[in-house]
Amino acid sequence: MEAAGLAHTLTRHGRVGSLAEAAAARGVDPSALIKTIVVRRAEEDYLFVLVPGDRAISWPKLRALLGVSRLSLPDAATAREVTGYERGTITPFGALRGWPVVADERVRGTVSIGAGAHGVAATVDGAALVTALGAEVADVTDPA
């Protein structure tokens, strides 16, 4: 994040067992907690999708945006292999490869995104986050 010039505040907290616990530990609303989801488009072709905590990927919307008929979620081992992070800690920052990023259009205002380790998060401006990542912004989620 520093290398990208993104102003942020790190928060360190213990492991959490739910979205509500994570949001409380970070001092944000669950909708401001941003999940980074790794999605497989094709063999060796992945992308990151930034999803507000109170929402889930809309597979039809994401497939339409990307112009593909099939997407999948890699298993935990594959996600770690292609990002360098284990599930629950994945972030586009510092990942092994600079995969494309799609951000749901609701990633705005003050948000909290995982920072690469359990119990570590960064609070940032959503618009600045999207800009720093060069993310494509679109409506790609539905209520969870």
C-alpha atoms as a PDB file:
ATOM      1  CA  MET A   1       0.000   0.000   0.000  1.00  0.00           C
ATOM      2  CA  GLU A   2       2.875   2.310   0.760  1.00  0.00           C
ATOM      3  CA  ALA A   3       4.464   1.543  -2.598  1.00  0.00           C
ATOM      4  CA  ALA A   4       1.158   2.445  -4.274  1.00  0.00           C
ATOM      5  CA  GLY A   5       1.064   5.738  -2.366  1.00  0.00           C
ATOM      6  CA  LEU A   6      -2.211   4.778  -0.700  1.00  0.00           C
ATOM      7  CA  ALA A   7      -2.853   6.561   2.597  1.00  0.00           C
ATOM      8  CA  HIS A   8      -3.999   3.963   5.119  1.00  0.00           C
ATOM      9  CA  THR A   9      -4.216   3.134   8.786  1.00  0.00           C
ATOM     10  CA  LEU A  10      -3.285  -0.379   9.925  1.00  0.00           C
ATOM     11  CA  THR A  11      -5.413  -2.134  12.509  1.00  0.00           C
ATOM     12  CA  ARG A  12      -4.184  -5.229  14.315  1.00  0.00           C
ATOM     13  CA  HIS A  13      -6.657  -7.421  16.162  1.00  0.00           C
ATOM     14  CA  GLY A  14      -6.894 -11.078  17.089  1.00  0.00           C
ATOM     15  CA  ARG A  15      -8.535 -13.721  14.967  1.00  0.00           C
ATOM     16  CA  VAL A  16     -12.235 -13.230  14.442  1.00  0.00           C
ATOM     17  CA  GLY A  17     -14.972 -15.736  13.788  1.00  0.00           C
ATOM     18  CA  SER A  18     -17.443 -13.705  11.780  1.00  0.00           C
ATOM     19  CA  LEU A  19     -17.932 -10.685   9.580  1.00  0.00           C
ATOM     20  CA  ALA A  20     -19.625  -8.847  12.457  1.00  0.00           C
ATOM     21  CA  GLU A  21     -16.650  -9.536  14.766  1.00  0.00           C
ATOM     22  CA  ALA A  22     -14.187  -8.352  12.126  1.00  0.00           C
ATOM     23  CA  ALA A  23     -16.161  -5.157  11.486  1.00  0.00           C
ATOM     24  CA  ALA A  24     -16.398  -4.434  15.214  1.00  0.00           C
ATOM     25  CA  ALA A  25     -12.666  -5.047  15.711  1.00  0.00           C
ATOM     26  CA  ARG A  26     -11.901  -2.652  12.854  1.00  0.00           C
ATOM     27  CA  GLY A  27     -14.430  -0.048  13.927  1.00  0.00           C
ATOM     28  CA  VAL A  28     -16.417  -0.079  10.682  1.00  0.00           C
ATOM     29  CA  ASP A  29     -19.868  -1.121   9.546  1.00  0.00           C
ATOM     30  CA  PRO A  30     -19.980  -4.640   8.038  1.00  0.00           C
ATOM     31  CA  SER A  31     -20.774  -3.081   4.645  1.00  0.00           C
ATOM     32  CA  ALA A  32     -17.437  -1.207   4.806  1.00  0.00           C
ATOM     33  CA  LEU A  33     -15.417  -4.366   5.366  1.00  0.00           C
ATOM     34  CA  ILE A  34     -14.078  -5.303   1.921  1.00  0.00           C
ATOM     35  CA  LYS A  35     -13.557  -8.965   1.093  1.00  0.00           C
ATOM     36  CA  THR A  36     -10.969  -9.790  -1.571  1.00  0.00           C
ATOM     37  CA  ILE A  37     -12.194 -12.825  -3.510  1.00  0.00           C
ATOM     38  CA  VAL A  38      -9.946 -14.693  -5.959  1.00  0.00           C
ATOM     39  CA  VAL A  39     -11.859 -15.823  -9.039  1.00  0.00           C
ATOM     40  CA  ARG A  40     -10.580 -18.186 -11.735  1.00  0.00           C
ATOM     41  CA  ARG A  41     -11.440 -17.154 -15.280  1.00  0.00           C
ATOM     42  CA  ALA A  42      -9.387 -19.826 -17.061  1.00  0.00           C
ATOM     43  CA  GLU A  43      -6.305 -21.915 -16.406  1.00  0.00           C
ATOM     44  CA  GLU A  44      -3.629 -19.618 -14.935  1.00  0.00           C
ATOM     45  CA  ASP A  45      -6.009 -16.656 -15.363  1.00  0.00           C
ATOM     46  CA  TYR A  46      -7.343 -15.195 -12.137  1.00  0.00           C
ATOM     47  CA  LEU A  47      -8.673 -11.888 -10.924  1.00  0.00           C
ATOM     48  CA  PHE A  48      -9.474 -10.237  -7.610  1.00  0.00           C
ATOM     49  CA  VAL A  49     -13.017  -9.107  -6.875  1.00  0.00           C
ATOM     50  CA  LEU A  50     -13.541  -6.567  -4.080  1.00  0.00           C
ATOM     51  CA  VAL A  51     -16.853  -7.273  -2.372  1.00  0.00           C
ATOM     52  CA  PRO A  52     -18.470  -5.293   0.467  1.00  0.00           C
ATOM     53  CA  GLY A  53     -18.931  -7.420   3.573  1.00  0.00           C
ATOM     54  CA  ASP A  54     -22.722  -7.433   3.453  1.00  0.00           C
ATOM     55  CA  ARG A  55     -22.817  -8.568  -0.186  1.00  0.00           C
ATOM     56  CA  ALA A  56     -21.904 -11.578  -2.309  1.00  0.00           C
ATOM     57  CA  ILE A  57     -20.633 -11.922  -5.860  1.00  0.00           C
ATOM     58  CA  SER A  58     -23.421 -12.014  -8.416  1.00  0.00           C
ATOM     59  CA  TRP A  59     -22.068 -14.638 -10.787  1.00  0.00           C
ATOM     60  CA  PRO A  60     -24.353 -13.642 -13.698  1.00  0.00           C
ATOM     61  CA  LYS A  61     -23.322  -9.965 -13.355  1.00  0.00           C
ATOM     62  CA  LEU A  62     -19.617 -10.806 -13.104  1.00  0.00           C
ATOM     63  CA  ARG A  63     -19.734 -13.233 -16.065  1.00  0.00           C
ATOM     64  CA  ALA A  64     -21.521 -10.587 -18.159  1.00  0.00           C
ATOM     65  CA  LEU A  65     -18.969  -7.920 -17.223  1.00  0.00           C
ATOM     66  CA  LEU A  66     -16.051 -10.194 -18.118  1.00  0.00           C
ATOM     67  CA  GLY A  67     -17.704 -11.642 -21.231  1.00  0.00           C
ATOM     68  CA  VAL A  68     -17.269 -15.249 -20.130  1.00  0.00           C
ATOM     69  CA  SER A  69     -19.676 -18.115 -19.629  1.00  0.00           C
ATOM     70  CA  ARG A  70     -17.846 -19.771 -16.743  1.00  0.00           C
ATOM     71  CA  LEU A  71     -16.037 -18.621 -13.605  1.00  0.00           C
ATOM     72  CA  SER A  72     -15.015 -20.552 -10.521  1.00  0.00           C
ATOM     73  CA  LEU A  73     -13.486 -20.152  -7.092  1.00  0.00           C
ATOM     74  CA  PRO A  74     -10.140 -21.882  -6.621  1.00  0.00           C
ATOM     75  CA  ASP A  75      -9.731 -24.166  -3.632  1.00  0.00           C
ATOM     76  CA  ALA A  76      -7.770 -22.827  -0.655  1.00  0.00           C
ATOM     77  CA  ALA A  77      -4.469 -24.404  -1.737  1.00  0.00           C
ATOM     78  CA  THR A  78      -4.705 -22.975  -5.256  1.00  0.00           C
ATOM     79  CA  ALA A  79      -5.692 -19.536  -3.938  1.00  0.00           C
ATOM     80  CA  ARG A  80      -2.587 -19.525  -1.751  1.00  0.00           C
ATOM     81  CA  GLU A  81      -0.412 -20.758  -4.613  1.00  0.00           C
ATOM     82  CA  VAL A  82      -1.522 -18.010  -7.014  1.00  0.00           C
ATOM     83  CA  THR A  83      -1.658 -15.122  -4.505  1.00  0.00           C
ATOM     84  CA  GLY A  84       0.873 -15.983  -1.804  1.00  0.00           C
ATOM     85  CA  TYR A  85      -1.835 -15.490   0.823  1.00  0.00           C
ATOM     86  CA  GLU A  86      -4.044 -17.971   2.636  1.00  0.00           C
ATOM     87  CA  ARG A  87      -7.796 -17.537   2.623  1.00  0.00           C
ATOM     88  CA  GLY A  88      -8.925 -14.879   5.032  1.00  0.00           C
ATOM     89  CA  THR A  89      -5.778 -12.824   4.442  1.00  0.00           C
ATOM     90  CA  ILE A  90      -5.878 -12.285   0.659  1.00  0.00           C
ATOM     91  CA  THR A  91      -5.293  -8.771  -0.626  1.00  0.00           C
ATOM     92  CA  PRO A  92      -4.309  -7.512  -4.081  1.00  0.00           C
ATOM     93  CA  PHE A  93      -1.419  -5.610  -2.468  1.00  0.00           C
ATOM     94  CA  GLY A  94       1.766  -7.662  -2.463  1.00  0.00           C
ATOM     95  CA  ALA A  95       0.171 -10.659  -4.162  1.00  0.00           C
ATOM     96  CA  LEU A  96       2.507 -12.876  -6.172  1.00  0.00           C
ATOM     97  CA  ARG A  97       0.974 -11.670  -9.437  1.00  0.00           C
ATOM     98  CA  GLY A  98      -0.714  -8.439 -10.369  1.00  0.00           C
ATOM     99  CA  TRP A  99      -4.040  -9.975 -11.349  1.00  0.00           C
ATOM    100  CA  PRO A 100      -6.762  -7.621 -12.624  1.00  0.00           C
ATOM    101  CA  VAL A 101      -9.111  -6.185  -9.994  1.00  0.00           C
ATOM    102  CA  VAL A 102     -12.861  -5.667 -10.237  1.00  0.00           C
ATOM    103  CA  ALA A 103     -14.390  -3.566  -7.465  1.00  0.00           C
ATOM    104  CA  ASP A 104     -18.075  -3.570  -6.757  1.00  0.00           C
ATOM    105  CA  GLU A 105     -19.493  -0.075  -7.240  1.00  0.00           C
ATOM    106  CA  ARG A 106     -20.326   0.061  -3.521  1.00  0.00           C
ATOM    107  CA  VAL A 107     -16.635   0.193  -2.520  1.00  0.00           C
ATOM    108  CA  ARG A 108     -16.645   3.832  -1.456  1.00  0.00           C
ATOM    109  CA  GLY A 109     -16.274   5.974   1.622  1.00  0.00           C
ATOM    110  CA  THR A 110     -14.056   4.718   4.429  1.00  0.00           C
ATOM    111  CA  VAL A 111     -13.464   0.982   4.038  1.00  0.00           C
ATOM    112  CA  SER A 112     -11.340  -1.722   5.652  1.00  0.00           C
ATOM    113  CA  ILE A 113      -9.492  -4.295   3.561  1.00  0.00           C
ATOM    114  CA  GLY A 114      -7.373  -7.234   4.673  1.00  0.00           C
ATOM    115  CA  ALA A 115      -3.657  -6.547   4.828  1.00  0.00           C
ATOM    116  CA  GLY A 116      -2.113  -9.954   4.228  1.00  0.00           C
ATOM    117  CA  ALA A 117      -2.222 -11.612   7.662  1.00  0.00           C
ATOM    118  CA  HIS A 118      -4.907 -12.803  10.046  1.00  0.00           C
ATOM    119  CA  GLY A 119      -6.038  -9.963  12.280  1.00  0.00           C
ATOM    120  CA  VAL A 120      -4.403  -7.226  10.204  1.00  0.00           C
ATOM    121  CA  ALA A 121      -6.401  -4.766   8.113  1.00  0.00           C
ATOM    122  CA  ALA A 122      -5.996  -1.389   6.463  1.00  0.00           C
ATOM    123  CA  THR A 123      -8.557   1.376   6.671  1.00  0.00           C
ATOM    124  CA  VAL A 124      -8.538   3.431   3.480  1.00  0.00           C
ATOM    125  CA  ASP A 125     -10.675   5.675   1.320  1.00  0.00           C
ATOM    126  CA  GLY A 126     -12.629   3.416  -1.061  1.00  0.00           C
ATOM    127  CA  ALA A 127     -12.167   5.674  -4.091  1.00  0.00           C
ATOM    128  CA  ALA A 128      -8.426   5.902  -3.434  1.00  0.00           C
ATOM    129  CA  LEU A 129      -8.286   2.109  -3.047  1.00  0.00           C
ATOM    130  CA  VAL A 130      -9.988   1.589  -6.401  1.00  0.00           C
ATOM    131  CA  THR A 131      -7.653   4.093  -8.057  1.00  0.00           C
ATOM    132  CA  ALA A 132      -4.494   2.619  -6.504  1.00  0.00           C
ATOM    133  CA  LEU A 133      -5.450  -0.840  -7.768  1.00  0.00           C
ATOM    134  CA  GLY A 134      -6.532   0.340 -11.215  1.00  0.00           C
ATOM    135  CA  ALA A 135      -9.744  -1.553 -10.552  1.00  0.00           C
ATOM    136  CA  GLU A 136     -12.631  -1.785 -12.946  1.00  0.00           C
ATOM    137  CA  VAL A 137     -15.732  -0.596 -11.078  1.00  0.00           C
ATOM    138  CA  ALA A 138     -19.103  -2.223 -11.742  1.00  0.00           C
ATOM    139  CA  ASP A 139     -22.208  -3.584 -10.072  1.00  0.00           C
ATOM    140  CA  VAL A 140     -21.083  -7.179  -9.540  1.00  0.00           C
ATOM    141  CA  THR A 141     -22.751  -8.099  -6.232  1.00  0.00           C
ATOM    142  CA  ASP A 142     -26.110  -8.917  -4.688  1.00  0.00           C
ATOM    143  CA  PRO A 143     -27.206  -8.673  -1.051  1.00  0.00           C
ATOM    144  CA  ALA A 144     -25.728 -11.555   0.943  1.00  0.00           C
END
